[in-house]
Amino acid sequence: MKDRYNKEIKLFGERLKEIRLYREMIQLDLGEAIGMERSEISKMEHGKKNVEFNTLVRLSEALNVNLYDFFSPTFERN
């Protein structure tokens, strides 16, 4: 179970980075938009930090995506 959990956190981080780069944001900008340090964004993107739900909501708002975009097989670029 722990391995799957870690895999899911890593996949989320990869998707977060993909969306951030698509939106042409650097980690510092995203961190400032949600009230978090750049290093925390980096930890999330590298699968080293679990993301709380309220942080997930703030990320989706800052990146202008739906919550499910972080978890769907493909990111709907709009």
N, C-alpha and C. Protein backbone atom coordinates (compact mmCIF):
# COMPACT_ATOMS: atom_id res chain seq x y z
N MET A 1 0.83 -1.20 0.00
CA MET A 1 0.00 0.00 0.00
C MET A 1 0.87 1.26 0.00
N LYS A 2 1.93 1.24 0.81
CA LYS A 2 2.80 2.41 0.90
C LYS A 2 3.44 2.72 -0.45
N ASP A 3 3.85 1.69 -1.20
CA ASP A 3 4.45 1.90 -2.50
C ASP A 3 3.47 2.57 -3.46
N ARG A 4 2.22 2.12 -3.45
CA ARG A 4 1.21 2.72 -4.32
C ARG A 4 0.97 4.16 -3.92
N TYR A 5 0.91 4.41 -2.62
CA TYR A 5 0.71 5.77 -2.11
C TYR A 5 1.83 6.67 -2.60
N ASN A 6 3.08 6.22 -2.47
CA ASN A 6 4.22 7.00 -2.92
C ASN A 6 4.18 7.22 -4.42
N LYS A 7 3.76 6.21 -5.16
CA LYS A 7 3.65 6.32 -6.62
C LYS A 7 2.63 7.38 -6.99
N GLU A 8 1.50 7.41 -6.31
CA GLU A 8 0.45 8.39 -6.60
C GLU A 8 0.91 9.81 -6.29
N ILE A 9 1.65 9.98 -5.21
CA ILE A 9 2.17 11.31 -4.87
C ILE A 9 3.15 11.77 -5.94
N LYS A 10 3.98 10.86 -6.41
CA LYS A 10 4.94 11.19 -7.47
C LYS A 10 4.22 11.54 -8.77
N LEU A 11 3.20 10.78 -9.13
CA LEU A 11 2.44 11.07 -10.35
C LEU A 11 1.75 12.44 -10.26
N PHE A 12 1.21 12.75 -9.07
CA PHE A 12 0.60 14.05 -8.87
C PHE A 12 1.64 15.15 -9.09
N GLY A 13 2.82 14.97 -8.53
CA GLY A 13 3.88 15.97 -8.68
C GLY A 13 4.28 16.19 -10.12
N GLU A 14 4.35 15.11 -10.87
CA GLU A 14 4.68 15.23 -12.29
C GLU A 14 3.60 16.01 -13.03
N ARG A 15 2.34 15.73 -12.72
CA ARG A 15 1.24 16.44 -13.37
C ARG A 15 1.25 17.91 -12.96
N LEU A 16 1.50 18.19 -11.69
CA LEU A 16 1.57 19.57 -11.21
C LEU A 16 2.62 20.34 -12.01
N LYS A 17 3.78 19.75 -12.17
CA LYS A 17 4.85 20.41 -12.92
C LYS A 17 4.45 20.61 -14.37
N GLU A 18 3.84 19.60 -14.98
CA GLU A 18 3.40 19.70 -16.37
C GLU A 18 2.44 20.88 -16.54
N ILE A 19 1.47 20.99 -15.65
CA ILE A 19 0.49 22.07 -15.74
C ILE A 19 1.15 23.42 -15.49
N ARG A 20 2.01 23.48 -14.49
CA ARG A 20 2.71 24.75 -14.17
C ARG A 20 3.51 25.23 -15.37
N LEU A 21 4.25 24.32 -15.99
CA LEU A 21 5.05 24.70 -17.15
C LEU A 21 4.16 25.11 -18.32
N TYR A 22 3.05 24.41 -18.50
CA TYR A 22 2.11 24.78 -19.57
C TYR A 22 1.58 26.20 -19.35
N ARG A 23 1.36 26.54 -18.11
CA ARG A 23 0.86 27.88 -17.76
C ARG A 23 2.00 28.91 -17.74
N GLU A 24 3.22 28.46 -18.07
CA GLU A 24 4.40 29.32 -18.14
C GLU A 24 4.67 30.04 -16.81
N MET A 25 4.59 29.27 -15.74
CA MET A 25 4.87 29.80 -14.41
C MET A 25 6.13 29.14 -13.88
N ILE A 26 6.90 29.91 -13.12
CA ILE A 26 8.02 29.32 -12.40
C ILE A 26 7.53 28.96 -11.00
N GLN A 27 8.29 28.11 -10.32
CA GLN A 27 7.88 27.66 -8.99
C GLN A 27 7.66 28.84 -8.04
N LEU A 28 8.52 29.85 -8.14
CA LEU A 28 8.40 31.01 -7.27
C LEU A 28 7.05 31.71 -7.47
N ASP A 29 6.64 31.89 -8.73
CA ASP A 29 5.35 32.55 -9.01
C ASP A 29 4.18 31.74 -8.46
N LEU A 30 4.23 30.42 -8.67
CA LEU A 30 3.15 29.58 -8.16
C LEU A 30 3.12 29.61 -6.64
N GLY A 31 4.28 29.54 -6.03
CA GLY A 31 4.34 29.61 -4.57
C GLY A 31 3.75 30.90 -4.03
N GLU A 32 4.10 32.00 -4.66
CA GLU A 32 3.56 33.30 -4.22
C GLU A 32 2.05 33.36 -4.42
N ALA A 33 1.57 32.76 -5.50
CA ALA A 33 0.13 32.79 -5.79
C ALA A 33 -0.69 32.03 -4.75
N ILE A 34 -0.08 31.01 -4.14
CA ILE A 34 -0.84 30.22 -3.16
C ILE A 34 -0.34 30.40 -1.73
N GLY A 35 0.61 31.30 -1.53
CA GLY A 35 1.12 31.58 -0.19
C GLY A 35 2.03 30.50 0.35
N MET A 36 2.92 30.01 -0.51
CA MET A 36 3.82 28.93 -0.13
C MET A 36 5.23 29.24 -0.65
N GLU A 37 6.22 28.71 0.02
CA GLU A 37 7.60 28.89 -0.43
C GLU A 37 7.86 28.09 -1.71
N ARG A 38 8.78 28.58 -2.54
CA ARG A 38 9.16 27.88 -3.76
C ARG A 38 9.65 26.48 -3.47
N SER A 39 10.37 26.31 -2.37
CA SER A 39 10.91 24.99 -2.02
C SER A 39 9.79 23.98 -1.75
N GLU A 40 8.65 24.44 -1.25
CA GLU A 40 7.51 23.54 -1.01
C GLU A 40 6.90 23.08 -2.33
N ILE A 41 6.86 23.99 -3.31
CA ILE A 41 6.37 23.61 -4.65
C ILE A 41 7.30 22.55 -5.23
N SER A 42 8.59 22.76 -5.08
CA SER A 42 9.57 21.79 -5.58
C SER A 42 9.37 20.42 -4.93
N LYS A 43 9.16 20.40 -3.62
CA LYS A 43 8.94 19.13 -2.92
C LYS A 43 7.69 18.43 -3.45
N MET A 44 6.63 19.19 -3.71
CA MET A 44 5.41 18.58 -4.25
C MET A 44 5.69 17.99 -5.63
N GLU A 45 6.38 18.74 -6.47
CA GLU A 45 6.64 18.29 -7.83
C GLU A 45 7.55 17.06 -7.88
N HIS A 46 8.39 16.90 -6.88
CA HIS A 46 9.29 15.74 -6.83
C HIS A 46 8.73 14.59 -6.00
N GLY A 47 7.47 14.71 -5.58
CA GLY A 47 6.83 13.64 -4.84
C GLY A 47 7.35 13.47 -3.43
N LYS A 48 7.89 14.53 -2.86
CA LYS A 48 8.46 14.46 -1.51
C LYS A 48 7.59 15.14 -0.47
N LYS A 49 6.44 15.63 -0.90
CA LYS A 49 5.53 16.31 0.03
C LYS A 49 4.11 15.93 -0.32
N ASN A 50 3.39 15.50 0.69
CA ASN A 50 1.97 15.22 0.53
C ASN A 50 1.23 16.55 0.46
N VAL A 51 0.16 16.58 -0.31
CA VAL A 51 -0.58 17.83 -0.52
C VAL A 51 -1.91 17.75 0.20
N GLU A 52 -2.17 18.73 1.05
CA GLU A 52 -3.45 18.81 1.73
C GLU A 52 -4.52 19.29 0.75
N PHE A 53 -5.76 18.96 1.04
CA PHE A 53 -6.85 19.31 0.14
C PHE A 53 -6.95 20.81 -0.10
N ASN A 54 -6.83 21.61 0.95
CA ASN A 54 -6.96 23.06 0.75
C ASN A 54 -5.83 23.59 -0.13
N THR A 55 -4.65 22.99 -0.06
CA THR A 55 -3.55 23.38 -0.94
C THR A 55 -3.87 22.98 -2.37
N LEU A 56 -4.46 21.82 -2.54
CA LEU A 56 -4.85 21.36 -3.87
C LEU A 56 -5.85 22.33 -4.51
N VAL A 57 -6.79 22.80 -3.73
CA VAL A 57 -7.77 23.77 -4.23
C VAL A 57 -7.07 25.07 -4.63
N ARG A 58 -6.17 25.55 -3.80
CA ARG A 58 -5.44 26.79 -4.12
C ARG A 58 -4.59 26.60 -5.38
N LEU A 59 -3.97 25.43 -5.54
CA LEU A 59 -3.19 25.15 -6.75
C LEU A 59 -4.07 25.19 -7.99
N SER A 60 -5.23 24.56 -7.90
CA SER A 60 -6.13 24.52 -9.06
C SER A 60 -6.59 25.93 -9.43
N GLU A 61 -6.85 26.76 -8.43
CA GLU A 61 -7.27 28.13 -8.71
C GLU A 61 -6.14 28.94 -9.32
N ALA A 62 -4.94 28.81 -8.78
CA ALA A 62 -3.79 29.58 -9.28
C ALA A 62 -3.41 29.16 -10.70
N LEU A 63 -3.59 27.87 -11.02
CA LEU A 63 -3.23 27.36 -12.34
C LEU A 63 -4.41 27.36 -13.31
N ASN A 64 -5.56 27.77 -12.81
CA ASN A 64 -6.78 27.84 -13.62
C ASN A 64 -7.12 26.49 -14.25
N VAL A 65 -7.16 25.46 -13.41
CA VAL A 65 -7.55 24.12 -13.85
C VAL A 65 -8.56 23.55 -12.86
N ASN A 66 -9.24 22.51 -13.28
CA ASN A 66 -10.15 21.79 -12.39
C ASN A 66 -9.34 20.83 -11.54
N LEU A 67 -9.87 20.47 -10.39
CA LEU A 67 -9.17 19.53 -9.52
C LEU A 67 -8.86 18.22 -10.24
N TYR A 68 -9.80 17.73 -11.04
CA TYR A 68 -9.59 16.44 -11.70
C TYR A 68 -8.45 16.48 -12.71
N ASP A 69 -8.05 17.67 -13.18
CA ASP A 69 -6.94 17.76 -14.12
C ASP A 69 -5.63 17.24 -13.51
N PHE A 70 -5.52 17.30 -12.21
CA PHE A 70 -4.32 16.79 -11.55
C PHE A 70 -4.27 15.26 -11.56
N PHE A 71 -5.42 14.63 -11.76
CA PHE A 71 -5.50 13.17 -11.61
C PHE A 71 -5.96 12.45 -12.87
N SER A 72 -6.38 13.18 -13.89
CA SER A 72 -6.84 12.53 -15.12
C SER A 72 -5.64 12.01 -15.92
N PRO A 73 -5.86 11.01 -16.75
CA PRO A 73 -4.75 10.44 -17.53
C PRO A 73 -4.08 11.46 -18.46
N THR A 74 -4.86 12.42 -18.95
CA THR A 74 -4.30 13.44 -19.81
C THR A 74 -4.79 14.81 -19.35
N PHE A 75 -3.93 15.79 -19.47
CA PHE A 75 -4.27 17.15 -19.07
C PHE A 75 -4.93 17.85 -20.26
N GLU A 76 -6.15 18.35 -20.04
CA GLU A 76 -6.91 19.07 -21.08
C GLU A 76 -6.33 20.48 -21.18
N ARG A 77 -5.58 20.73 -22.21
CA ARG A 77 -4.98 22.05 -22.40
C ARG A 77 -6.02 23.00 -23.01
N ASN A 78 -6.35 24.03 -22.25
CA ASN A 78 -7.31 25.01 -22.75
C ASN A 78 -6.85 26.41 -22.47
